[in-house]
Amino acid sequence: MAQVEVPAFPCIVHLNAEGGVYRGRVANLAGLEAVGSSEREMLGKIVPLFKRTVAEIHQRGDSIPWINPVPEPKPNEIKRFIPVHL
């Protein structure tokens, strides 16, 4: 059976939680944000958004506009690293 190479991309999320609301933003790709009532819910929204965006750019053959260097999280934020396979 032939192996198929599946590309993986780093989704770096900076999140904060205030008043039971979890807000996350992708720190290494501009414009992707999500809100949820738990970290799990928020990540469950932002990861598919990241995957869809990166897949569309990748399929077009364009360069992915990574933010590099990735900014540090703000003092009230937590950093999460999620490897995402297309």
PDB file of N, CA and C in Angstrom:
ATOM      1  N   MET A   1       0.839  -1.164   0.000  1.00  0.00           N
ATOM      2  CA  MET A   1       0.000   0.000   0.000  1.00  0.00           C
ATOM      3  C   MET A   1       0.895   1.242   0.000  1.00  0.00           C
ATOM      4  N   ALA A   2       0.626   2.170  -0.888  1.00  0.00           N
ATOM      5  CA  ALA A   2       1.428   3.393  -1.006  1.00  0.00           C
ATOM      6  C   ALA A   2       1.102   4.357   0.127  1.00  0.00           C
ATOM      7  N   GLN A   3       2.162   4.986   0.628  1.00  0.00           N
ATOM      8  CA  GLN A   3       1.948   5.987   1.664  1.00  0.00           C
ATOM      9  C   GLN A   3       1.584   7.310   1.011  1.00  0.00           C
ATOM     10  N   VAL A   4       0.615   7.994   1.598  1.00  0.00           N
ATOM     11  CA  VAL A   4       0.202   9.299   1.123  1.00  0.00           C
ATOM     12  C   VAL A   4       0.677  10.320   2.136  1.00  0.00           C
ATOM     13  N   GLU A   5       1.400  11.327   1.645  1.00  0.00           N
ATOM     14  CA  GLU A   5       1.893  12.366   2.542  1.00  0.00           C
ATOM     15  C   GLU A   5       0.771  13.352   2.837  1.00  0.00           C
ATOM     16  N   VAL A   6       0.469  13.509   4.109  1.00  0.00           N
ATOM     17  CA  VAL A   6      -0.576  14.437   4.544  1.00  0.00           C
ATOM     18  C   VAL A   6       0.117  15.623   5.195  1.00  0.00           C
ATOM     19  N   PRO A   7      -0.059  16.822   4.608  1.00  0.00           N
ATOM     20  CA  PRO A   7       0.611  17.973   5.204  1.00  0.00           C
ATOM     21  C   PRO A   7       0.043  18.322   6.573  1.00  0.00           C
ATOM     22  N   ALA A   8       0.929  18.754   7.453  1.00  0.00           N
ATOM     23  CA  ALA A   8       0.521  19.204   8.790  1.00  0.00           C
ATOM     24  C   ALA A   8       1.023  20.625   8.981  1.00  0.00           C
ATOM     25  N   PHE A   9       0.228  21.426   9.658  1.00  0.00           N
ATOM     26  CA  PHE A   9       0.546  22.828   9.867  1.00  0.00           C
ATOM     27  C   PHE A   9       0.351  23.196  11.328  1.00  0.00           C
ATOM     28  N   PRO A  10       1.180  24.121  11.827  1.00  0.00           N
ATOM     29  CA  PRO A  10       1.061  24.519  13.233  1.00  0.00           C
ATOM     30  C   PRO A  10      -0.023  25.577  13.431  1.00  0.00           C
ATOM     31  N   CYS A  11      -0.990  25.277  14.255  1.00  0.00           N
ATOM     32  CA  CYS A  11      -2.020  26.245  14.633  1.00  0.00           C
ATOM     33  C   CYS A  11      -1.684  26.707  16.049  1.00  0.00           C
ATOM     34  N   ILE A  12      -1.241  27.949  16.168  1.00  0.00           N
ATOM     35  CA  ILE A  12      -0.877  28.497  17.472  1.00  0.00           C
ATOM     36  C   ILE A  12      -1.998  29.431  17.907  1.00  0.00           C
ATOM     37  N   VAL A  13      -2.635  29.072  19.002  1.00  0.00           N
ATOM     38  CA  VAL A  13      -3.786  29.827  19.494  1.00  0.00           C
ATOM     39  C   VAL A  13      -3.427  30.516  20.802  1.00  0.00           C
ATOM     40  N   HIS A  14      -3.743  31.785  20.876  1.00  0.00           N
ATOM     41  CA  HIS A  14      -3.644  32.533  22.131  1.00  0.00           C
ATOM     42  C   HIS A  14      -5.067  32.717  22.624  1.00  0.00           C
ATOM     43  N   LEU A  15      -5.324  32.309  23.869  1.00  0.00           N
ATOM     44  CA  LEU A  15      -6.685  32.375  24.385  1.00  0.00           C
ATOM     45  C   LEU A  15      -6.712  33.020  25.758  1.00  0.00           C
ATOM     46  N   ASN A  16      -7.853  33.589  26.061  1.00  0.00           N
ATOM     47  CA  ASN A  16      -8.081  34.079  27.416  1.00  0.00           C
ATOM     48  C   ASN A  16      -9.494  33.707  27.824  1.00  0.00           C
ATOM     49  N   ALA A  17      -9.710  33.676  29.133  1.00  0.00           N
ATOM     50  CA  ALA A  17     -11.018  33.326  29.677  1.00  0.00           C
ATOM     51  C   ALA A  17     -11.406  34.384  30.703  1.00  0.00           C
ATOM     52  N   GLU A  18     -12.542  34.997  30.461  1.00  0.00           N
ATOM     53  CA  GLU A  18     -13.065  35.993  31.394  1.00  0.00           C
ATOM     54  C   GLU A  18     -14.568  35.805  31.489  1.00  0.00           C
ATOM     55  N   GLY A  19     -15.059  35.703  32.702  1.00  0.00           N
ATOM     56  CA  GLY A  19     -16.493  35.585  32.916  1.00  0.00           C
ATOM     57  C   GLY A  19     -17.125  34.385  32.244  1.00  0.00           C
ATOM     58  N   GLY A  20     -16.389  33.291  32.154  1.00  0.00           N
ATOM     59  CA  GLY A  20     -16.947  32.081  31.543  1.00  0.00           C
ATOM     60  C   GLY A  20     -16.949  32.105  30.022  1.00  0.00           C
ATOM     61  N   VAL A  21     -16.313  33.107  29.413  1.00  0.00           N
ATOM     62  CA  VAL A  21     -16.222  33.201  27.956  1.00  0.00           C
ATOM     63  C   VAL A  21     -14.763  33.008  27.550  1.00  0.00           C
ATOM     64  N   TYR A  22     -14.537  32.075  26.651  1.00  0.00           N
ATOM     65  CA  TYR A  22     -13.199  31.775  26.149  1.00  0.00           C
ATOM     66  C   TYR A  22     -13.058  32.379  24.759  1.00  0.00           C
ATOM     67  N   ARG A  23     -12.071  33.252  24.620  1.00  0.00           N
ATOM     68  CA  ARG A  23     -11.806  33.906  23.345  1.00  0.00           C
ATOM     69  C   ARG A  23     -10.431  33.464  22.861  1.00  0.00           C
ATOM     70  N   GLY A  24     -10.368  33.039  21.611  1.00  0.00           N
ATOM     71  CA  GLY A  24      -9.101  32.602  21.048  1.00  0.00           C
ATOM     72  C   GLY A  24      -8.841  33.255  19.714  1.00  0.00           C
ATOM     73  N   ARG A  25      -7.566  33.417  19.418  1.00  0.00           N
ATOM     74  CA  ARG A  25      -7.157  33.945  18.114  1.00  0.00           C
ATOM     75  C   ARG A  25      -5.947  33.151  17.655  1.00  0.00           C
ATOM     76  N   VAL A  26      -5.887  32.887  16.364  1.00  0.00           N
ATOM     77  CA  VAL A  26      -4.731  32.208  15.808  1.00  0.00           C
ATOM     78  C   VAL A  26      -3.604  33.235  15.748  1.00  0.00           C
ATOM     79  N   ALA A  27      -2.520  32.948  16.423  1.00  0.00           N
ATOM     80  CA  ALA A  27      -1.416  33.903  16.542  1.00  0.00           C
ATOM     81  C   ALA A  27      -0.485  33.889  15.337  1.00  0.00           C
ATOM     82  N   ASN A  28      -0.485  32.811  14.561  1.00  0.00           N
ATOM     83  CA  ASN A  28       0.438  32.714  13.436  1.00  0.00           C
ATOM     84  C   ASN A  28      -0.226  32.850  12.072  1.00  0.00           C
ATOM     85  N   LEU A  29      -1.515  33.224  12.050  1.00  0.00           N
ATOM     86  CA  LEU A  29      -2.238  33.470  10.797  1.00  0.00           C
ATOM     87  C   LEU A  29      -3.327  34.493  11.096  1.00  0.00           C
ATOM     88  N   ALA A  30      -3.281  35.620  10.455  1.00  0.00           N
ATOM     89  CA  ALA A  30      -4.155  36.748  10.790  1.00  0.00           C
ATOM     90  C   ALA A  30      -5.632  36.486  10.482  1.00  0.00           C
ATOM     91  N   GLY A  31      -6.484  37.063  11.331  1.00  0.00           N
ATOM     92  CA  GLY A  31      -7.909  37.124  11.057  1.00  0.00           C
ATOM     93  C   GLY A  31      -8.756  35.956  11.509  1.00  0.00           C
ATOM     94  N   LEU A  32      -8.191  35.001  12.228  1.00  0.00           N
ATOM     95  CA  LEU A  32      -8.961  33.830  12.650  1.00  0.00           C
ATOM     96  C   LEU A  32      -9.190  33.891  14.152  1.00  0.00           C
ATOM     97  N   GLU A  33     -10.460  33.999  14.546  1.00  0.00           N
ATOM     98  CA  GLU A  33     -10.834  34.106  15.952  1.00  0.00           C
ATOM     99  C   GLU A  33     -12.083  33.281  16.217  1.00  0.00           C
ATOM    100  N   ALA A  34     -12.250  32.877  17.469  1.00  0.00           N
ATOM    101  CA  ALA A  34     -13.445  32.139  17.869  1.00  0.00           C
ATOM    102  C   ALA A  34     -13.725  32.393  19.341  1.00  0.00           C
ATOM    103  N   VAL A  35     -14.986  32.166  19.718  1.00  0.00           N
ATOM    104  CA  VAL A  35     -15.448  32.347  21.093  1.00  0.00           C
ATOM    105  C   VAL A  35     -16.231  31.104  21.490  1.00  0.00           C
ATOM    106  N   GLY A  36     -16.097  30.700  22.750  1.00  0.00           N
ATOM    107  CA  GLY A  36     -16.859  29.557  23.246  1.00  0.00           C
ATOM    108  C   GLY A  36     -17.070  29.658  24.741  1.00  0.00           C
ATOM    109  N   SER A  37     -17.925  28.793  25.258  1.00  0.00           N
ATOM    110  CA  SER A  37     -18.203  28.792  26.695  1.00  0.00           C
ATOM    111  C   SER A  37     -17.210  27.919  27.465  1.00  0.00           C
ATOM    112  N   SER A  38     -16.307  27.249  26.724  1.00  0.00           N
ATOM    113  CA  SER A  38     -15.222  26.474  27.325  1.00  0.00           C
ATOM    114  C   SER A  38     -14.046  26.507  26.363  1.00  0.00           C
ATOM    115  N   GLU A  39     -12.876  26.159  26.864  1.00  0.00           N
ATOM    116  CA  GLU A  39     -11.713  26.104  25.982  1.00  0.00           C
ATOM    117  C   GLU A  39     -11.937  25.082  24.875  1.00  0.00           C
ATOM    118  N   ARG A  40     -12.489  23.955  25.244  1.00  0.00           N
ATOM    119  CA  ARG A  40     -12.741  22.890  24.261  1.00  0.00           C
ATOM    120  C   ARG A  40     -13.685  23.356  23.153  1.00  0.00           C
ATOM    121  N   GLU A  41     -14.755  24.058  23.535  1.00  0.00           N
ATOM    122  CA  GLU A  41     -15.706  24.553  22.543  1.00  0.00           C
ATOM    123  C   GLU A  41     -15.040  25.573  21.610  1.00  0.00           C
ATOM    124  N   MET A  42     -14.278  26.495  22.201  1.00  0.00           N
ATOM    125  CA  MET A  42     -13.604  27.509  21.395  1.00  0.00           C
ATOM    126  C   MET A  42     -12.618  26.864  20.428  1.00  0.00           C
ATOM    127  N   LEU A  43     -11.799  25.915  20.922  1.00  0.00           N
ATOM    128  CA  LEU A  43     -10.850  25.231  20.044  1.00  0.00           C
ATOM    129  C   LEU A  43     -11.576  24.416  18.972  1.00  0.00           C
ATOM    130  N   GLY A  44     -12.736  23.864  19.330  1.00  0.00           N
ATOM    131  CA  GLY A  44     -13.545  23.115  18.373  1.00  0.00           C
ATOM    132  C   GLY A  44     -14.085  23.982  17.250  1.00  0.00           C
ATOM    133  N   LYS A  45     -14.100  25.277  17.448  1.00  0.00           N
ATOM    134  CA  LYS A  45     -14.516  26.217  16.405  1.00  0.00           C
ATOM    135  C   LYS A  45     -13.321  26.751  15.617  1.00  0.00           C
ATOM    136  N   ILE A  46     -12.246  27.070  16.330  1.00  0.00           N
ATOM    137  CA  ILE A  46     -11.125  27.751  15.674  1.00  0.00           C
ATOM    138  C   ILE A  46     -10.271  26.800  14.838  1.00  0.00           C
ATOM    139  N   VAL A  47     -10.117  25.553  15.261  1.00  0.00           N
ATOM    140  CA  VAL A  47      -9.287  24.601  14.506  1.00  0.00           C
ATOM    141  C   VAL A  47      -9.893  24.311  13.128  1.00  0.00           C
ATOM    142  N   PRO A  48     -11.198  24.037  12.995  1.00  0.00           N
ATOM    143  CA  PRO A  48     -11.755  23.840  11.650  1.00  0.00           C
ATOM    144  C   PRO A  48     -11.646  25.095  10.770  1.00  0.00           C
ATOM    145  N   LEU A  49     -11.764  26.255  11.379  1.00  0.00           N
ATOM    146  CA  LEU A  49     -11.594  27.506  10.643  1.00  0.00           C
ATOM    147  C   LEU A  49     -10.166  27.620  10.105  1.00  0.00           C
ATOM    148  N   PHE A  50      -9.193  27.312  10.951  1.00  0.00           N
ATOM    149  CA  PHE A  50      -7.779  27.302  10.547  1.00  0.00           C
ATOM    150  C   PHE A  50      -7.566  26.286   9.424  1.00  0.00           C
ATOM    151  N   LYS A  51      -8.085  25.093   9.606  1.00  0.00           N
ATOM    152  CA  LYS A  51      -7.892  24.014   8.633  1.00  0.00           C
ATOM    153  C   LYS A  51      -8.481  24.391   7.272  1.00  0.00           C
ATOM    154  N   ARG A  52      -9.691  24.932   7.278  1.00  0.00           N
ATOM    155  CA  ARG A  52     -10.354  25.334   6.034  1.00  0.00           C
ATOM    156  C   ARG A  52      -9.554  26.441   5.330  1.00  0.00           C
ATOM    157  N   THR A  53      -9.107  27.427   6.088  1.00  0.00           N
ATOM    158  CA  THR A  53      -8.359  28.553   5.521  1.00  0.00           C
ATOM    159  C   THR A  53      -7.045  28.084   4.917  1.00  0.00           C
ATOM    160  N   VAL A  54      -6.282  27.297   5.675  1.00  0.00           N
ATOM    161  CA  VAL A  54      -4.988  26.812   5.190  1.00  0.00           C
ATOM    162  C   VAL A  54      -5.180  25.881   3.990  1.00  0.00           C
ATOM    163  N   ALA A  55      -6.191  25.025   4.019  1.00  0.00           N
ATOM    164  CA  ALA A  55      -6.445  24.103   2.905  1.00  0.00           C
ATOM    165  C   ALA A  55      -6.761  24.870   1.622  1.00  0.00           C
ATOM    166  N   GLU A  56      -7.565  25.919   1.728  1.00  0.00           N
ATOM    167  CA  GLU A  56      -7.907  26.718   0.540  1.00  0.00           C
ATOM    168  C   GLU A  56      -6.661  27.378  -0.044  1.00  0.00           C
ATOM    169  N   ILE A  57      -5.833  27.955   0.803  1.00  0.00           N
ATOM    170  CA  ILE A  57      -4.605  28.608   0.340  1.00  0.00           C
ATOM    171  C   ILE A  57      -3.660  27.574  -0.269  1.00  0.00           C
ATOM    172  N   HIS A  58      -3.515  26.443   0.396  1.00  0.00           N
ATOM    173  CA  HIS A  58      -2.625  25.370  -0.051  1.00  0.00           C
ATOM    174  C   HIS A  58      -3.083  24.821  -1.408  1.00  0.00           C
ATOM    175  N   GLN A  59      -4.393  24.614  -1.575  1.00  0.00           N
ATOM    176  CA  GLN A  59      -4.924  24.069  -2.828  1.00  0.00           C
ATOM    177  C   GLN A  59      -4.721  25.027  -3.998  1.00  0.00           C
ATOM    178  N   ARG A  60      -4.757  26.324  -3.722  1.00  0.00           N
ATOM    179  CA  ARG A  60      -4.512  27.314  -4.781  1.00  0.00           C
ATOM    180  C   ARG A  60      -3.036  27.373  -5.173  1.00  0.00           C
ATOM    181  N   GLY A  61      -2.192  26.812  -4.313  1.00  0.00           N
ATOM    182  CA  GLY A  61      -0.765  26.847  -4.568  1.00  0.00           C
ATOM    183  C   GLY A  61      -0.104  28.140  -4.125  1.00  0.00           C
ATOM    184  N   ASP A  62      -0.844  28.953  -3.359  1.00  0.00           N
ATOM    185  CA  ASP A  62      -0.309  30.208  -2.856  1.00  0.00           C
ATOM    186  C   ASP A  62       0.520  29.963  -1.595  1.00  0.00           C
ATOM    187  N   SER A  63       1.371  30.916  -1.292  1.00  0.00           N
ATOM    188  CA  SER A  63       2.122  30.858  -0.038  1.00  0.00           C
ATOM    189  C   SER A  63       1.197  31.219   1.113  1.00  0.00           C
ATOM    190  N   ILE A  64       1.312  30.480   2.181  1.00  0.00           N
ATOM    191  CA  ILE A  64       0.496  30.761   3.365  1.00  0.00           C
ATOM    192  C   ILE A  64       1.103  31.974   4.060  1.00  0.00           C
ATOM    193  N   PRO A  65       0.291  32.991   4.327  1.00  0.00           N
ATOM    194  CA  PRO A  65       0.828  34.229   4.921  1.00  0.00           C
ATOM    195  C   PRO A  65       1.041  34.118   6.433  1.00  0.00           C
ATOM    196  N   TRP A  66       1.974  33.258   6.831  1.00  0.00           N
ATOM    197  CA  TRP A  66       2.263  33.068   8.251  1.00  0.00           C
ATOM    198  C   TRP A  66       2.737  34.363   8.878  1.00  0.00           C
ATOM    199  N   ILE A  67       2.381  34.576  10.098  1.00  0.00           N
ATOM    200  CA  ILE A  67       2.911  35.682  10.890  1.00  0.00           C
ATOM    201  C   ILE A  67       4.192  35.156  11.529  1.00  0.00           C
ATOM    202  N   ASN A  68       5.301  35.756  11.130  1.00  0.00           N
ATOM    203  CA  ASN A  68       6.590  35.279  11.601  1.00  0.00           C
ATOM    204  C   ASN A  68       7.490  36.463  11.880  1.00  0.00           C
ATOM    205  N   PRO A  69       7.974  36.637  13.063  1.00  0.00           N
ATOM    206  CA  PRO A  69       7.848  35.710  14.185  1.00  0.00           C
ATOM    207  C   PRO A  69       6.460  35.786  14.820  1.00  0.00           C
ATOM    208  N   VAL A  70       6.081  34.689  15.424  1.00  0.00           N
ATOM    209  CA  VAL A  70       4.781  34.632  16.123  1.00  0.00           C
ATOM    210  C   VAL A  70       4.892  35.485  17.379  1.00  0.00           C
ATOM    211  N   PRO A  71       3.951  36.404  17.570  1.00  0.00           N
ATOM    212  CA  PRO A  71       4.016  37.239  18.773  1.00  0.00           C
ATOM    213  C   PRO A  71       3.794  36.422  20.039  1.00  0.00           C
ATOM    214  N   GLU A  72       4.344  36.904  21.122  1.00  0.00           N
ATOM    215  CA  GLU A  72       4.119  36.274  22.423  1.00  0.00           C
ATOM    216  C   GLU A  72       2.681  36.547  22.868  1.00  0.00           C
ATOM    217  N   PRO A  73       2.106  35.641  23.665  1.00  0.00           N
ATOM    218  CA  PRO A  73       0.768  35.907  24.182  1.00  0.00           C
ATOM    219  C   PRO A  73       0.775  37.128  25.094  1.00  0.00           C
ATOM    220  N   LYS A  74      -0.363  37.812  25.129  1.00  0.00           N
ATOM    221  CA  LYS A  74      -0.517  38.937  26.047  1.00  0.00           C
ATOM    222  C   LYS A  74      -0.500  38.380  27.472  1.00  0.00           C
ATOM    223  N   PRO A  75      -0.274  39.224  28.479  1.00  0.00           N
ATOM    224  CA  PRO A  75      -0.197  38.731  29.872  1.00  0.00           C
ATOM    225  C   PRO A  75      -1.429  37.935  30.343  1.00  0.00           C
ATOM    226  N   ASN A  76      -2.602  38.228  29.784  1.00  0.00           N
ATOM    227  CA  ASN A  76      -3.824  37.526  30.205  1.00  0.00           C
ATOM    228  C   ASN A  76      -4.162  36.345  29.288  1.00  0.00           C
ATOM    229  N   GLU A  77      -3.237  35.968  28.397  1.00  0.00           N
ATOM    230  CA  GLU A  77      -3.498  34.894  27.443  1.00  0.00           C
ATOM    231  C   GLU A  77      -2.659  33.652  27.731  1.00  0.00           C
ATOM    232  N   ILE A  78      -3.182  32.526  27.271  1.00  0.00           N
ATOM    233  CA  ILE A  78      -2.509  31.229  27.343  1.00  0.00           C
ATOM    234  C   ILE A  78      -2.227  30.788  25.908  1.00  0.00           C
ATOM    235  N   LYS A  79      -1.079  30.189  25.687  1.00  0.00           N
ATOM    236  CA  LYS A  79      -0.696  29.719  24.358  1.00  0.00           C
ATOM    237  C   LYS A  79      -0.996  28.229  24.233  1.00  0.00           C
ATOM    238  N   ARG A  80      -1.633  27.868  23.127  1.00  0.00           N
ATOM    239  CA  ARG A  80      -1.885  26.457  22.795  1.00  0.00           C
ATOM    240  C   ARG A  80      -1.313  26.181  21.418  1.00  0.00           C
ATOM    241  N   PHE A  81      -0.645  25.037  21.265  1.00  0.00           N
ATOM    242  CA  PHE A  81      -0.085  24.619  19.990  1.00  0.00           C
ATOM    243  C   PHE A  81      -0.839  23.389  19.531  1.00  0.00           C
ATOM    244  N   ILE A  82      -1.440  23.465  18.343  1.00  0.00           N
ATOM    245  CA  ILE A  82      -2.221  22.350  17.820  1.00  0.00           C
ATOM    246  C   ILE A  82      -1.709  22.017  16.420  1.00  0.00           C
ATOM    247  N   PRO A  83      -1.080  20.838  16.213  1.00  0.00           N
ATOM    248  CA  PRO A  83      -0.705  20.444  14.859  1.00  0.00           C
ATOM    249  C   PRO A  83      -1.975  20.026  14.101  1.00  0.00           C
ATOM    250  N   VAL A  84      -2.169  20.581  12.921  1.00  0.00           N
ATOM    251  CA  VAL A  84      -3.383  20.336  12.154  1.00  0.00           C
ATOM    252  C   VAL A  84      -3.017  19.669  10.834  1.00  0.00           C
ATOM    253  N   HIS A  85      -3.601  18.501  10.577  1.00  0.00           N
ATOM    254  CA  HIS A  85      -3.413  17.779   9.328  1.00  0.00           C
ATOM    255  C   HIS A  85      -4.538  18.150   8.380  1.00  0.00           C
ATOM    256  N   LEU A  86      -4.184  18.357   7.109  1.00  0.00           N
ATOM    257  CA  LEU A  86      -5.223  18.678   6.124  1.00  0.00           C
ATOM    258  C   LEU A  86      -5.892  17.417   5.627  1.00  0.00           C
TER     259      LEU A  86
END
